[in-house]
Amino acid sequence: MECAASVAGSKLILVLGHSECGAVKGACDSVEVGNLTSTLANILERSTLLSGLAGWLRKVI
């Protein structure tokens, strides 16, 4: 993901989780695991933002 953002110039990176996804569950549970802590915090921040955006889109459409 870092390469896509800094080298390739991607403006949007979409991370999809599967059913029972440990990374997304860890983010939602505020798990602190070494170097992954900041990544999990980013997942939680983005998922919260996208959840709000989805709610707004439902109202607008």
PDB file of N, CA and C in Angstrom:
ATOM      1  N   MET A   1       0.826  -1.185   0.000  1.00  0.00           N
ATOM      2  CA  MET A   1       0.000   0.000   0.000  1.00  0.00           C
ATOM      3  C   MET A   1       0.870   1.248   0.000  1.00  0.00           C
ATOM      4  N   GLU A   2       1.976   1.214   0.738  1.00  0.00           N
ATOM      5  CA  GLU A   2       2.853   2.380   0.764  1.00  0.00           C
ATOM      6  C   GLU A   2       3.402   2.672  -0.619  1.00  0.00           C
ATOM      7  N   CYS A   3       3.770   1.627  -1.341  1.00  0.00           N
ATOM      8  CA  CYS A   3       4.297   1.802  -2.701  1.00  0.00           C
ATOM      9  C   CYS A   3       3.234   2.412  -3.613  1.00  0.00           C
ATOM     10  N   ALA A   4       2.008   1.922  -3.500  1.00  0.00           N
ATOM     11  CA  ALA A   4       0.924   2.441  -4.343  1.00  0.00           C
ATOM     12  C   ALA A   4       0.705   3.926  -4.093  1.00  0.00           C
ATOM     13  N   ALA A   5       0.780   4.336  -2.840  1.00  0.00           N
ATOM     14  CA  ALA A   5       0.525   5.732  -2.500  1.00  0.00           C
ATOM     15  C   ALA A   5       1.704   6.641  -2.820  1.00  0.00           C
ATOM     16  N   SER A   6       2.927   6.222  -2.474  1.00  0.00           N
ATOM     17  CA  SER A   6       4.052   7.130  -2.653  1.00  0.00           C
ATOM     18  C   SER A   6       4.771   6.996  -3.984  1.00  0.00           C
ATOM     19  N   VAL A   7       4.827   5.820  -4.537  1.00  0.00           N
ATOM     20  CA  VAL A   7       5.579   5.636  -5.780  1.00  0.00           C
ATOM     21  C   VAL A   7       4.665   5.706  -7.003  1.00  0.00           C
ATOM     22  N   ALA A   8       3.568   4.961  -6.953  1.00  0.00           N
ATOM     23  CA  ALA A   8       2.679   4.895  -8.119  1.00  0.00           C
ATOM     24  C   ALA A   8       1.721   6.077  -8.186  1.00  0.00           C
ATOM     25  N   GLY A   9       1.563   6.814  -7.090  1.00  0.00           N
ATOM     26  CA  GLY A   9       0.715   7.998  -7.094  1.00  0.00           C
ATOM     27  C   GLY A   9      -0.771   7.723  -6.982  1.00  0.00           C
ATOM     28  N   SER A  10      -1.136   6.564  -6.472  1.00  0.00           N
ATOM     29  CA  SER A  10      -2.562   6.240  -6.309  1.00  0.00           C
ATOM     30  C   SER A  10      -3.226   7.257  -5.394  1.00  0.00           C
ATOM     31  N   LYS A  11      -4.405   7.672  -5.759  1.00  0.00           N
ATOM     32  CA  LYS A  11      -5.166   8.632  -4.958  1.00  0.00           C
ATOM     33  C   LYS A  11      -6.122   7.925  -4.002  1.00  0.00           C
ATOM     34  N   LEU A  12      -6.460   6.686  -4.310  1.00  0.00           N
ATOM     35  CA  LEU A  12      -7.394   5.936  -3.489  1.00  0.00           C
ATOM     36  C   LEU A  12      -6.930   4.492  -3.407  1.00  0.00           C
ATOM     37  N   ILE A  13      -6.883   3.971  -2.197  1.00  0.00           N
ATOM     38  CA  ILE A  13      -6.558   2.565  -1.987  1.00  0.00           C
ATOM     39  C   ILE A  13      -7.725   1.972  -1.222  1.00  0.00           C
ATOM     40  N   LEU A  14      -8.315   0.947  -1.775  1.00  0.00           N
ATOM     41  CA  LEU A  14      -9.461   0.305  -1.148  1.00  0.00           C
ATOM     42  C   LEU A  14      -9.013  -1.022  -0.560  1.00  0.00           C
ATOM     43  N   VAL A  15      -9.191  -1.171   0.732  1.00  0.00           N
ATOM     44  CA  VAL A  15      -8.825  -2.405   1.414  1.00  0.00           C
ATOM     45  C   VAL A  15     -10.109  -3.144   1.736  1.00  0.00           C
ATOM     46  N   LEU A  16     -10.213  -4.338   1.238  1.00  0.00           N
ATOM     47  CA  LEU A  16     -11.401  -5.151   1.470  1.00  0.00           C
ATOM     48  C   LEU A  16     -11.081  -6.241   2.478  1.00  0.00           C
ATOM     49  N   GLY A  17     -11.985  -6.493   3.357  1.00  0.00           N
ATOM     50  CA  GLY A  17     -11.835  -7.590   4.309  1.00  0.00           C
ATOM     51  C   GLY A  17     -12.830  -8.677   3.986  1.00  0.00           C
ATOM     52  N   HIS A  18     -12.513  -9.851   4.417  1.00  0.00           N
ATOM     53  CA  HIS A  18     -13.417 -10.979   4.208  1.00  0.00           C
ATOM     54  C   HIS A  18     -14.163 -11.264   5.500  1.00  0.00           C
ATOM     55  N   SER A  19     -15.093 -12.127   5.442  1.00  0.00           N
ATOM     56  CA  SER A  19     -15.863 -12.531   6.613  1.00  0.00           C
ATOM     57  C   SER A  19     -14.906 -13.011   7.703  1.00  0.00           C
ATOM     58  N   GLU A  20     -15.092 -12.541   8.919  1.00  0.00           N
ATOM     59  CA  GLU A  20     -14.221 -12.902  10.047  1.00  0.00           C
ATOM     60  C   GLU A  20     -12.788 -12.383   9.855  1.00  0.00           C
ATOM     61  N   CYS A  21     -12.612 -11.259   9.175  1.00  0.00           N
ATOM     62  CA  CYS A  21     -11.294 -10.695   8.898  1.00  0.00           C
ATOM     63  C   CYS A  21     -10.630 -10.249  10.203  1.00  0.00           C
ATOM     64  N   GLY A  22      -9.504 -10.855  10.517  1.00  0.00           N
ATOM     65  CA  GLY A  22      -8.798 -10.550  11.765  1.00  0.00           C
ATOM     66  C   GLY A  22      -8.280  -9.126  11.824  1.00  0.00           C
ATOM     67  N   ALA A  23      -7.809  -8.581  10.695  1.00  0.00           N
ATOM     68  CA  ALA A  23      -7.269  -7.222  10.686  1.00  0.00           C
ATOM     69  C   ALA A  23      -8.361  -6.195  10.970  1.00  0.00           C
ATOM     70  N   VAL A  24      -9.509  -6.348  10.324  1.00  0.00           N
ATOM     71  CA  VAL A  24     -10.605  -5.410  10.552  1.00  0.00           C
ATOM     72  C   VAL A  24     -11.153  -5.576  11.965  1.00  0.00           C
ATOM     73  N   LYS A  25     -11.278  -6.805  12.437  1.00  0.00           N
ATOM     74  CA  LYS A  25     -11.734  -7.042  13.812  1.00  0.00           C
ATOM     75  C   LYS A  25     -10.751  -6.422  14.800  1.00  0.00           C
ATOM     76  N   GLY A  26      -9.454  -6.611  14.540  1.00  0.00           N
ATOM     77  CA  GLY A  26      -8.436  -6.020  15.411  1.00  0.00           C
ATOM     78  C   GLY A  26      -8.538  -4.509  15.451  1.00  0.00           C
ATOM     79  N   ALA A  27      -8.792  -3.899  14.304  1.00  0.00           N
ATOM     80  CA  ALA A  27      -8.933  -2.443  14.252  1.00  0.00           C
ATOM     81  C   ALA A  27     -10.144  -1.991  15.050  1.00  0.00           C
ATOM     82  N   CYS A  28     -11.249  -2.695  14.896  1.00  0.00           N
ATOM     83  CA  CYS A  28     -12.479  -2.330  15.609  1.00  0.00           C
ATOM     84  C   CYS A  28     -12.345  -2.545  17.115  1.00  0.00           C
ATOM     85  N   ASP A  29     -11.522  -3.513  17.501  1.00  0.00           N
ATOM     86  CA  ASP A  29     -11.312  -3.806  18.920  1.00  0.00           C
ATOM     87  C   ASP A  29     -10.153  -3.012  19.515  1.00  0.00           C
ATOM     88  N   SER A  30      -9.550  -2.119  18.716  1.00  0.00           N
ATOM     89  CA  SER A  30      -8.413  -1.282  19.145  1.00  0.00           C
ATOM     90  C   SER A  30      -7.242  -2.114  19.664  1.00  0.00           C
ATOM     91  N   VAL A  31      -6.932  -3.193  18.959  1.00  0.00           N
ATOM     92  CA  VAL A  31      -5.820  -4.061  19.337  1.00  0.00           C
ATOM     93  C   VAL A  31      -4.505  -3.334  19.096  1.00  0.00           C
ATOM     94  N   GLU A  32      -3.554  -3.500  20.004  1.00  0.00           N
ATOM     95  CA  GLU A  32      -2.223  -2.927  19.840  1.00  0.00           C
ATOM     96  C   GLU A  32      -1.237  -4.065  19.649  1.00  0.00           C
ATOM     97  N   VAL A  33      -0.665  -4.170  18.438  1.00  0.00           N
ATOM     98  CA  VAL A  33       0.227  -5.262  18.090  1.00  0.00           C
ATOM     99  C   VAL A  33       1.460  -4.708  17.384  1.00  0.00           C
ATOM    100  N   GLY A  34       2.468  -4.331  18.133  1.00  0.00           N
ATOM    101  CA  GLY A  34       3.733  -3.882  17.560  1.00  0.00           C
ATOM    102  C   GLY A  34       3.563  -2.896  16.422  1.00  0.00           C
ATOM    103  N   ASN A  35       4.205  -3.188  15.300  1.00  0.00           N
ATOM    104  CA  ASN A  35       4.191  -2.289  14.142  1.00  0.00           C
ATOM    105  C   ASN A  35       2.821  -2.195  13.481  1.00  0.00           C
ATOM    106  N   LEU A  36       1.952  -3.155  13.731  1.00  0.00           N
ATOM    107  CA  LEU A  36       0.633  -3.131  13.096  1.00  0.00           C
ATOM    108  C   LEU A  36      -0.334  -2.162  13.765  1.00  0.00           C
ATOM    109  N   THR A  37       0.021  -1.660  14.942  1.00  0.00           N
ATOM    110  CA  THR A  37      -0.890  -0.778  15.680  1.00  0.00           C
ATOM    111  C   THR A  37      -1.308   0.431  14.847  1.00  0.00           C
ATOM    112  N   SER A  38      -0.362   1.084  14.186  1.00  0.00           N
ATOM    113  CA  SER A  38      -0.714   2.273  13.396  1.00  0.00           C
ATOM    114  C   SER A  38      -1.545   1.886  12.176  1.00  0.00           C
ATOM    115  N   THR A  39      -1.254   0.735  11.583  1.00  0.00           N
ATOM    116  CA  THR A  39      -2.047   0.273  10.443  1.00  0.00           C
ATOM    117  C   THR A  39      -3.478  -0.015  10.876  1.00  0.00           C
ATOM    118  N   LEU A  40      -3.637  -0.684  12.016  1.00  0.00           N
ATOM    119  CA  LEU A  40      -4.978  -0.983  12.524  1.00  0.00           C
ATOM    120  C   LEU A  40      -5.730   0.296  12.856  1.00  0.00           C
ATOM    121  N   ALA A  41      -5.039   1.292  13.395  1.00  0.00           N
ATOM    122  CA  ALA A  41      -5.678   2.581  13.695  1.00  0.00           C
ATOM    123  C   ALA A  41      -6.151   3.246  12.410  1.00  0.00           C
ATOM    124  N   ASN A  42      -5.352   3.152  11.336  1.00  0.00           N
ATOM    125  CA  ASN A  42      -5.748   3.721  10.047  1.00  0.00           C
ATOM    126  C   ASN A  42      -6.971   3.011   9.476  1.00  0.00           C
ATOM    127  N   ILE A  43      -7.022   1.684   9.624  1.00  0.00           N
ATOM    128  CA  ILE A  43      -8.177   0.925   9.150  1.00  0.00           C
ATOM    129  C   ILE A  43      -9.430   1.394   9.881  1.00  0.00           C
ATOM    130  N   LEU A  44      -9.336   1.547  11.194  1.00  0.00           N
ATOM    131  CA  LEU A  44     -10.499   1.985  11.975  1.00  0.00           C
ATOM    132  C   LEU A  44     -10.933   3.383  11.569  1.00  0.00           C
ATOM    133  N   GLU A  45      -9.963   4.285  11.408  1.00  0.00           N
ATOM    134  CA  GLU A  45     -10.294   5.668  11.017  1.00  0.00           C
ATOM    135  C   GLU A  45     -11.001   5.696   9.666  1.00  0.00           C
ATOM    136  N   ARG A  46     -10.474   4.958   8.696  1.00  0.00           N
ATOM    137  CA  ARG A  46     -11.065   4.966   7.360  1.00  0.00           C
ATOM    138  C   ARG A  46     -12.426   4.282   7.353  1.00  0.00           C
ATOM    139  N   SER A  47     -12.556   3.179   8.112  1.00  0.00           N
ATOM    140  CA  SER A  47     -13.841   2.481   8.118  1.00  0.00           C
ATOM    141  C   SER A  47     -14.921   3.347   8.754  1.00  0.00           C
ATOM    142  N   THR A  48     -14.557   4.122   9.761  1.00  0.00           N
ATOM    143  CA  THR A  48     -15.507   5.038  10.392  1.00  0.00           C
ATOM    144  C   THR A  48     -15.916   6.131   9.400  1.00  0.00           C
ATOM    145  N   LEU A  49     -14.935   6.658   8.678  1.00  0.00           N
ATOM    146  CA  LEU A  49     -15.209   7.686   7.676  1.00  0.00           C
ATOM    147  C   LEU A  49     -16.115   7.138   6.578  1.00  0.00           C
ATOM    148  N   LEU A  50     -15.794   5.945   6.075  1.00  0.00           N
ATOM    149  CA  LEU A  50     -16.590   5.356   4.999  1.00  0.00           C
ATOM    150  C   LEU A  50     -17.995   4.996   5.466  1.00  0.00           C
ATOM    151  N   SER A  51     -18.117   4.594   6.705  1.00  0.00           N
ATOM    152  CA  SER A  51     -19.435   4.282   7.246  1.00  0.00           C
ATOM    153  C   SER A  51     -20.308   5.538   7.260  1.00  0.00           C
ATOM    154  N   GLY A  52     -19.723   6.653   7.676  1.00  0.00           N
ATOM    155  CA  GLY A  52     -20.452   7.918   7.663  1.00  0.00           C
ATOM    156  C   GLY A  52     -20.815   8.347   6.246  1.00  0.00           C
ATOM    157  N   LEU A  53     -19.891   8.157   5.315  1.00  0.00           N
ATOM    158  CA  LEU A  53     -20.143   8.506   3.920  1.00  0.00           C
ATOM    159  C   LEU A  53     -21.265   7.644   3.344  1.00  0.00           C
ATOM    160  N   ALA A  54     -21.271   6.369   3.679  1.00  0.00           N
ATOM    161  CA  ALA A  54     -22.319   5.478   3.186  1.00  0.00           C
ATOM    162  C   ALA A  54     -23.683   5.921   3.697  1.00  0.00           C
ATOM    163  N   GLY A  55     -23.746   6.323   4.963  1.00  0.00           N
ATOM    164  CA  GLY A  55     -25.006   6.812   5.524  1.00  0.00           C
ATOM    165  C   GLY A  55     -25.475   8.072   4.824  1.00  0.00           C
ATOM    166  N   TRP A  56     -24.540   8.965   4.539  1.00  0.00           N
ATOM    167  CA  TRP A  56     -24.879  10.206   3.837  1.00  0.00           C
ATOM    168  C   TRP A  56     -25.388   9.894   2.426  1.00  0.00           C
ATOM    169  N   LEU A  57     -24.714   8.974   1.734  1.00  0.00           N
ATOM    170  CA  LEU A  57     -25.133   8.622   0.375  1.00  0.00           C
ATOM    171  C   LEU A  57     -26.538   8.014   0.362  1.00  0.00           C
ATOM    172  N   ARG A  58     -26.857   7.209   1.366  1.00  0.00           N
ATOM    173  CA  ARG A  58     -28.209   6.630   1.438  1.00  0.00           C
ATOM    174  C   ARG A  58     -29.265   7.723   1.544  1.00  0.00           C
ATOM    175  N   LYS A  59     -28.964   8.788   2.260  1.00  0.00           N
ATOM    176  CA  LYS A  59     -29.918   9.889   2.420  1.00  0.00           C
ATOM    177  C   LYS A  59     -30.060  10.699   1.133  1.00  0.00           C
ATOM    178  N   VAL A  60     -28.961  10.856   0.420  1.00  0.00           N
ATOM    179  CA  VAL A  60     -28.953  11.693  -0.777  1.00  0.00           C
ATOM    180  C   VAL A  60     -29.578  10.981  -1.975  1.00  0.00           C
ATOM    181  N   ILE A  61     -29.352   9.696  -2.061  1.00  0.00           N
ATOM    182  CA  ILE A  61     -29.799   8.963  -3.249  1.00  0.00           C
ATOM    183  C   ILE A  61     -31.230   8.534  -3.149  1.00  0.00           C
TER     184      ILE A  61
END
